[in-house]
C-alpha atoms as a PDB file:
ATOM      1  CA  MET A   1     121.974 126.230 137.878  1.00  0.00           C
ATOM      2  CA  ARG A   2     122.201 122.452 138.263  1.00  0.00           C
ATOM      3  CA  LYS A   3     123.394 119.451 136.297  1.00  0.00           C
ATOM      4  CA  VAL A   4     120.505 117.483 134.796  1.00  0.00           C
ATOM      5  CA  VAL A   5     120.685 114.116 133.038  1.00  0.00           C
ATOM      6  CA  ILE A   6     119.009 114.658 129.663  1.00  0.00           C
ATOM      7  CA  TRP A   7     120.500 111.853 127.559  1.00  0.00           C
ATOM      8  CA  ASP A   8     120.263 108.252 128.707  1.00  0.00           C
ATOM      9  CA  ALA A   9     123.021 105.711 128.081  1.00  0.00           C
ATOM     10  CA  PRO A  10     121.237 103.915 125.182  1.00  0.00           C
ATOM     11  CA  THR A  11     120.802 107.175 123.244  1.00  0.00           C
ATOM     12  CA  ARG A  12     124.423 108.155 123.766  1.00  0.00           C
ATOM     13  CA  LEU A  13     125.726 104.700 122.879  1.00  0.00           C
ATOM     14  CA  PHE A  14     123.617 104.683 119.722  1.00  0.00           C
ATOM     15  CA  HIS A  15     125.071 108.032 118.693  1.00  0.00           C
ATOM     16  CA  TRP A  16     128.733 107.110 119.111  1.00  0.00           C
ATOM     17  CA  LEU A  17     128.454 103.491 117.954  1.00  0.00           C
ATOM     18  CA  THR A  18     126.699 104.671 114.794  1.00  0.00           C
ATOM     19  CA  ALA A  19     129.513 107.145 114.112  1.00  0.00           C
ATOM     20  CA  ILE A  20     132.083 104.354 114.542  1.00  0.00           C
ATOM     21  CA  LEU A  21     130.159 101.928 112.333  1.00  0.00           C
ATOM     22  CA  VAL A  22     129.664 104.474 109.532  1.00  0.00           C
ATOM     23  CA  ALA A  23     133.424 105.033 109.534  1.00  0.00           C
ATOM     24  CA  ALA A  24     133.940 101.254 109.570  1.00  0.00           C
ATOM     25  CA  ALA A  25     131.523 100.848 106.639  1.00  0.00           C
ATOM     26  CA  TYR A  26     133.584 103.300 104.608  1.00  0.00           C
ATOM     27  CA  ALA A  27     136.903 101.688 105.586  1.00  0.00           C
ATOM     28  CA  THR A  28     135.746  98.139 104.797  1.00  0.00           C
ATOM     29  CA  TRP A  29     134.378  99.258 101.433  1.00  0.00           C
ATOM     30  CA  ARG A  30     137.457 101.335 100.622  1.00  0.00           C
ATOM     31  CA  PHE A  31     139.859  98.473 101.387  1.00  0.00           C
ATOM     32  CA  ASP A  32     137.680  95.816  99.778  1.00  0.00           C
ATOM     33  CA  GLN A  33     136.876  93.935 102.988  1.00  0.00           C
ATOM     34  CA  MET A  34     133.358  93.112 101.921  1.00  0.00           C
ATOM     35  CA  ASP A  35     132.759  90.282 104.392  1.00  0.00           C
ATOM     36  CA  TRP A  36     133.379  92.731 107.227  1.00  0.00           C
ATOM     37  CA  HIS A  37     131.400  95.395 105.370  1.00  0.00           C
ATOM     38  CA  ILE A  38     128.337  93.140 105.399  1.00  0.00           C
ATOM     39  CA  TRP A  39     128.597  92.536 109.140  1.00  0.00           C
ATOM     40  CA  VAL A  40     129.012  96.263 109.748  1.00  0.00           C
ATOM     41  CA  GLY A  41     125.821  96.777 107.740  1.00  0.00           C
ATOM     42  CA  TYR A  42     123.947  94.251 109.867  1.00  0.00           C
ATOM     43  CA  ALA A  43     125.139  96.003 113.040  1.00  0.00           C
ATOM     44  CA  LEU A  44     124.042  99.389 111.674  1.00  0.00           C
ATOM     45  CA  LEU A  45     120.633  97.999 110.771  1.00  0.00           C
ATOM     46  CA  ALA A  46     120.200  96.630 114.301  1.00  0.00           C
ATOM     47  CA  LEU A  47     121.203  99.989 115.786  1.00  0.00           C
ATOM     48  CA  VAL A  48     118.813 101.952 113.585  1.00  0.00           C
ATOM     49  CA  ILE A  49     115.890  99.633 114.354  1.00  0.00           C
ATOM     50  CA  PHE A  50     116.757  99.956 118.040  1.00  0.00           C
ATOM     51  CA  ARG A  51     116.753 103.767 117.788  1.00  0.00           C
ATOM     52  CA  LEU A  52     113.422 103.796 115.976  1.00  0.00           C
ATOM     53  CA  LEU A  53     111.870 101.635 118.688  1.00  0.00           C
ATOM     54  CA  TRP A  54     113.594 103.693 121.381  1.00  0.00           C
ATOM     55  CA  GLY A  55     112.007 106.748 119.795  1.00  0.00           C
ATOM     56  CA  LEU A  56     108.630 105.202 120.598  1.00  0.00           C
ATOM     57  CA  PHE A  57     109.237 103.449 123.922  1.00  0.00           C
ATOM     58  CA  GLY A  58     112.444 104.946 125.336  1.00  0.00           C
ATOM     59  CA  SER A  59     113.305 107.853 127.594  1.00  0.00           C
ATOM     60  CA  GLU A  60     111.456 111.131 127.269  1.00  0.00           C
ATOM     61  CA  THR A  61     114.176 113.017 125.399  1.00  0.00           C
ATOM     62  CA  ALA A  62     114.702 110.089 123.007  1.00  0.00           C
ATOM     63  CA  ARG A  63     111.058 109.946 121.908  1.00  0.00           C
ATOM     64  CA  PHE A  64     110.078 111.415 118.557  1.00  0.00           C
ATOM     65  CA  ALA A  65     106.978 112.956 120.106  1.00  0.00           C
ATOM     66  CA  ALA A  66     109.210 114.997 122.417  1.00  0.00           C
ATOM     67  CA  PHE A  67     111.595 116.510 119.870  1.00  0.00           C
ATOM     68  CA  LEU A  68     109.875 116.557 116.463  1.00  0.00           C
ATOM     69  CA  ALA A  69     108.609 120.132 116.365  1.00  0.00           C
ATOM     70  CA  PRO A  70     106.529 121.638 113.522  1.00  0.00           C
ATOM     71  CA  PRO A  71     108.698 122.680 110.549  1.00  0.00           C
ATOM     72  CA  ARG A  72     107.892 126.332 111.229  1.00  0.00           C
ATOM     73  CA  ALA A  73     109.443 126.050 114.693  1.00  0.00           C
ATOM     74  CA  ALA A  74     112.622 124.650 113.128  1.00  0.00           C
ATOM     75  CA  PHE A  75     112.846 127.590 110.700  1.00  0.00           C
ATOM     76  CA  VAL A  76     112.247 130.099 113.515  1.00  0.00           C
ATOM     77  CA  HIS A  77     115.005 128.422 115.520  1.00  0.00           C
ATOM     78  CA  LEU A  78     117.424 128.603 112.575  1.00  0.00           C
ATOM     79  CA  ALA A  79     116.586 132.292 112.102  1.00  0.00           C
ATOM     80  CA  HIS A  80     118.203 132.892 115.509  1.00  0.00           C
ATOM     81  CA  LEU A  81     121.217 130.706 114.747  1.00  0.00           C
ATOM     82  CA  PHE A  82     123.734 133.493 115.286  1.00  0.00           C
ATOM     83  CA  ARG A  83     122.149 134.801 118.478  1.00  0.00           C
ATOM     84  CA  ARG A  84     124.530 134.033 121.329  1.00  0.00           C
ATOM     85  CA  GLU A  85     122.495 132.558 124.159  1.00  0.00           C
ATOM     86  CA  PRO A  86     122.690 129.710 126.700  1.00  0.00           C
ATOM     87  CA  ASP A  87     121.369 126.294 125.778  1.00  0.00           C
ATOM     88  CA  ARG A  88     118.055 125.722 127.578  1.00  0.00           C
ATOM     89  CA  GLU A  89     116.766 122.810 125.513  1.00  0.00           C
ATOM     90  CA  ILE A  90     115.885 119.629 127.389  1.00  0.00           C
ATOM     91  CA  GLY A  91     116.846 117.380 124.491  1.00  0.00           C
ATOM     92  CA  HIS A  92     117.100 118.222 120.800  1.00  0.00           C
ATOM     93  CA  ASN A  93     116.337 121.722 119.584  1.00  0.00           C
ATOM     94  CA  PRO A  94     113.643 122.001 116.838  1.00  0.00           C
ATOM     95  CA  ALA A  95     116.157 121.955 113.972  1.00  0.00           C
ATOM     96  CA  GLY A  96     118.241 119.192 115.517  1.00  0.00           C
ATOM     97  CA  GLY A  97     115.185 116.994 115.876  1.00  0.00           C
ATOM     98  CA  TRP A  98     114.581 117.061 112.130  1.00  0.00           C
ATOM     99  CA  MET A  99     118.252 116.351 111.465  1.00  0.00           C
ATOM    100  CA  VAL A 100     117.948 113.239 113.633  1.00  0.00           C
ATOM    101  CA  LEU A 101     114.984 112.082 111.547  1.00  0.00           C
ATOM    102  CA  VAL A 102     116.835 112.681 108.266  1.00  0.00           C
ATOM    103  CA  LEU A 103     119.919 110.794 109.449  1.00  0.00           C
ATOM    104  CA  LEU A 104     117.836 107.859 110.701  1.00  0.00           C
ATOM    105  CA  ALA A 105     115.946 107.664 107.398  1.00  0.00           C
ATOM    106  CA  LEU A 106     119.193 107.662 105.402  1.00  0.00           C
ATOM    107  CA  LEU A 107     120.803 105.065 107.674  1.00  0.00           C
ATOM    108  CA  LEU A 108     117.745 102.825 107.440  1.00  0.00           C
ATOM    109  CA  GLY A 109     117.582 103.126 103.660  1.00  0.00           C
ATOM    110  CA  GLU A 110     121.299 102.432 103.320  1.00  0.00           C
ATOM    111  CA  ALA A 111     121.222  99.378 105.574  1.00  0.00           C
ATOM    112  CA  LEU A 112     118.075  97.907 104.009  1.00  0.00           C
ATOM    113  CA  SER A 113     119.254  98.469 100.442  1.00  0.00           C
ATOM    114  CA  GLY A 114     122.468  96.653 101.367  1.00  0.00           C
ATOM    115  CA  LEU A 115     120.407  93.501 101.862  1.00  0.00           C
ATOM    116  CA  TYR A 116     119.730  93.519  98.117  1.00  0.00           C
ATOM    117  CA  VAL A 117     123.200  94.422  96.818  1.00  0.00           C
ATOM    118  CA  ASN A 118     124.270  92.260  93.875  1.00  0.00           C
ATOM    119  CA  ASN A 119     127.490  93.145  92.077  1.00  0.00           C
ATOM    120  CA  ASP A 120     130.842  91.691  91.057  1.00  0.00           C
ATOM    121  CA  VAL A 121     132.603  92.783  94.252  1.00  0.00           C
ATOM    122  CA  ALA A 122     130.321  91.756  97.099  1.00  0.00           C
ATOM    123  CA  ASP A 123     128.381  88.583  97.649  1.00  0.00           C
ATOM    124  CA  PRO A 124     124.691  88.931  96.802  1.00  0.00           C
ATOM    125  CA  GLY A 125     122.635  90.319  99.641  1.00  0.00           C
ATOM    126  CA  PRO A 126     120.327  87.894 101.443  1.00  0.00           C
ATOM    127  CA  LEU A 127     117.223  89.293  99.721  1.00  0.00           C
ATOM    128  CA  THR A 128     118.690  89.616  96.225  1.00  0.00           C
ATOM    129  CA  GLN A 129     117.115  86.423  94.891  1.00  0.00           C
ATOM    130  CA  ILE A 130     113.529  87.459  95.648  1.00  0.00           C
ATOM    131  CA  VAL A 131     113.476  90.458  93.283  1.00  0.00           C
ATOM    132  CA  PRO A 132     114.040  90.681  89.491  1.00  0.00           C
ATOM    133  CA  ALA A 133     117.581  91.514  88.363  1.00  0.00           C
ATOM    134  CA  ARG A 134     116.480  94.926  87.050  1.00  0.00           C
ATOM    135  CA  ILE A 135     115.043  95.887  90.437  1.00  0.00           C
ATOM    136  CA  SER A 136     118.093  94.491  92.211  1.00  0.00           C
ATOM    137  CA  ASN A 137     120.371  96.646  90.060  1.00  0.00           C
ATOM    138  CA  LEU A 138     118.279  99.724  90.812  1.00  0.00           C
ATOM    139  CA  ILE A 139     118.502  99.023  94.535  1.00  0.00           C
ATOM    140  CA  ASP A 140     122.247  98.511  94.154  1.00  0.00           C
ATOM    141  CA  ALA A 141     122.512 101.982  92.593  1.00  0.00           C
ATOM    142  CA  LEU A 142     120.293 103.390  95.342  1.00  0.00           C
ATOM    143  CA  HIS A 143     122.696 101.916  97.908  1.00  0.00           C
ATOM    144  CA  THR A 144     125.498 104.024  96.403  1.00  0.00           C
ATOM    145  CA  TYR A 145     123.435 107.202  96.114  1.00  0.00           C
ATOM    146  CA  LEU A 146     122.173 106.911  99.686  1.00  0.00           C
ATOM    147  CA  TRP A 147     125.738 106.439 100.905  1.00  0.00           C
ATOM    148  CA  TRP A 148     126.934 109.734  99.458  1.00  0.00           C
ATOM    149  CA  THR A 149     123.777 111.500 100.624  1.00  0.00           C
ATOM    150  CA  LEU A 150     124.386 110.102 104.105  1.00  0.00           C
ATOM    151  CA  LEU A 151     127.958 111.391 104.108  1.00  0.00           C
ATOM    152  CA  ALA A 152     126.708 114.837 103.049  1.00  0.00           C
ATOM    153  CA  ALA A 153     124.140 114.818 105.871  1.00  0.00           C
ATOM    154  CA  VAL A 154     126.757 113.721 108.411  1.00  0.00           C
ATOM    155  CA  THR A 155     129.060 116.516 107.231  1.00  0.00           C
ATOM    156  CA  LEU A 156     126.236 119.036 107.606  1.00  0.00           C
ATOM    157  CA  HIS A 157     125.518 117.691 111.091  1.00  0.00           C
ATOM    158  CA  VAL A 158     129.148 118.066 112.190  1.00  0.00           C
ATOM    159  CA  LEU A 159     129.343 121.583 110.726  1.00  0.00           C
ATOM    160  CA  ALA A 160     126.124 122.561 112.522  1.00  0.00           C
ATOM    161  CA  VAL A 161     127.496 121.343 115.855  1.00  0.00           C
ATOM    162  CA  ALA A 162     130.667 123.375 115.285  1.00  0.00           C
ATOM    163  CA  LEU A 163     128.606 126.428 114.312  1.00  0.00           C
ATOM    164  CA  TYR A 164     126.507 126.174 117.470  1.00  0.00           C
ATOM    165  CA  ARG A 165     129.727 126.153 119.462  1.00  0.00           C
ATOM    166  CA  MET A 166     131.224 129.183 117.691  1.00  0.00           C
ATOM    167  CA  ALA A 167     128.133 131.300 117.005  1.00  0.00           C
ATOM    168  CA  LYS A 168     125.869 130.532 119.958  1.00  0.00           C
ATOM    169  CA  GLY A 169     128.435 129.400 122.522  1.00  0.00           C
ATOM    170  CA  GLN A 170     126.605 126.091 123.032  1.00  0.00           C
ATOM    171  CA  ASN A 171     128.514 122.844 123.472  1.00  0.00           C
ATOM    172  CA  LEU A 172     126.307 120.087 122.041  1.00  0.00           C
ATOM    173  CA  VAL A 173     129.001 117.401 122.160  1.00  0.00           C
ATOM    174  CA  LEU A 174     129.707 117.262 125.892  1.00  0.00           C
ATOM    175  CA  PRO A 175     126.103 116.420 126.934  1.00  0.00           C
ATOM    176  CA  MET A 176     126.106 113.584 124.384  1.00  0.00           C
ATOM    177  CA  VAL A 177     129.228 112.237 126.116  1.00  0.00           C
ATOM    178  CA  THR A 178     128.276 112.733 129.771  1.00  0.00           C
ATOM    179  CA  GLY A 179     124.490 112.770 129.409  1.00  0.00           C
ATOM    180  CA  ARG A 180     124.293 115.911 131.542  1.00  0.00           C
ATOM    181  CA  LYS A 181     123.518 119.543 130.839  1.00  0.00           C
ATOM    182  CA  THR A 182     123.557 122.593 133.107  1.00  0.00           C
ATOM    183  CA  LEU A 183     120.025 123.986 133.379  1.00  0.00           C
ATOM    184  CA  PRO A 184     118.116 126.420 135.630  1.00  0.00           C
ATOM    185  CA  PRO A 185     116.651 124.823 138.773  1.00  0.00           C
ATOM    186  CA  GLU A 186     113.044 125.430 137.684  1.00  0.00           C
ATOM    187  CA  MET A 187     113.448 123.185 134.618  1.00  0.00           C
ATOM    188  CA  ARG A 188     112.456 119.618 135.435  1.00  0.00           C
ATOM    189  CA  ALA A 189     114.591 116.608 134.621  1.00  0.00           C
ATOM    190  CA  PRO A 190     113.205 114.379 131.849  1.00  0.00           C
ATOM    191  CA  ALA A 191     111.866 110.910 132.624  1.00  0.00           C
ATOM    192  CA  LEU A 192     114.405 108.201 131.806  1.00  0.00           C
ATOM    193  CA  ALA A 193     113.639 104.600 130.852  1.00  0.00           C
ATOM    194  CA  GLY A 194     115.142 101.750 132.857  1.00  0.00           C
ATOM    195  CA  PRO A 195     117.635  99.066 131.729  1.00  0.00           C
ATOM    196  CA  LEU A 196     114.953  96.373 131.422  1.00  0.00           C
ATOM    197  CA  ARG A 197     113.108  98.351 128.770  1.00  0.00           C
ATOM    198  CA  MET A 198     116.395  98.927 126.962  1.00  0.00           C
ATOM    199  CA  LEU A 199     117.123  95.181 126.922  1.00  0.00           C
ATOM    200  CA  LEU A 200     113.636  94.385 125.618  1.00  0.00           C
ATOM    201  CA  VAL A 201     113.958  96.936 122.813  1.00  0.00           C
ATOM    202  CA  LEU A 202     117.459  95.715 121.950  1.00  0.00           C
ATOM    203  CA  GLY A 203     116.223  92.125 121.860  1.00  0.00           C
ATOM    204  CA  GLY A 204     113.394  93.096 119.537  1.00  0.00           C
ATOM    205  CA  SER A 205     115.864  94.877 117.251  1.00  0.00           C
ATOM    206  CA  LEU A 206     118.162  91.870 117.025  1.00  0.00           C
ATOM    207  CA  ILE A 207     115.229  89.570 116.292  1.00  0.00           C
ATOM    208  CA  ALA A 208     114.046  91.897 113.515  1.00  0.00           C
ATOM    209  CA  VAL A 209     117.486  91.874 111.863  1.00  0.00           C
ATOM    210  CA  ALA A 210     117.738  88.083 112.186  1.00  0.00           C
ATOM    211  CA  VAL A 211     114.344  87.703 110.495  1.00  0.00           C
ATOM    212  CA  LEU A 212     115.324  90.038 107.656  1.00  0.00           C
ATOM    213  CA  ILE A 213     118.590  88.189 107.047  1.00  0.00           C
ATOM    214  CA  ASN A 214     117.472  84.593 107.408  1.00  0.00           C
ATOM    215  CA  PHE A 215     113.811  84.291 106.573  1.00  0.00           C
ATOM    216  CA  LEU A 216     112.974  86.809 103.851  1.00  0.00           C
END
């Protein structure tokens, strides 16, 4: 058995920064700090766009092509959920890959719908003026519905991680902190992207958010 780096720094930072920003989004909304809430939303949007691009151009284990298995494979994996066995996945397991996609879709929808928000509490979103009031109100309602759906999905994700620990004896949290997992020597290490590619993808993400905020 040997320690293998399976998660690169950008993927791990995205994971934990997103968790912090979702908590910050709730806190700023709950305590009526809407100016900060807006900036948290912009940061979340930049992170999600970065992760989507990283899923196309990033490290092997971060790419959608590497971890999005057919739905049948995810159901077969879940059928063995209570089978205690070592973790031999180089990256996300088949069910976890689909959870990543669901969470990214909800985060993207929540952040984008926030650009249209128009109510008596927050300032109008930067794109509010380009759609009719009826559509803007519908998007405002969608922003709320997506938020509670996102919280439900996050809760399910946390419960699944705890269940893997208790039922299967697999610690999914530690590799997302250290980037390393203990694997048999015959399993190859995944290819990791370099810092230059990360900076280019991050720059593209920030430009995309700036365009959405300022020019649309």
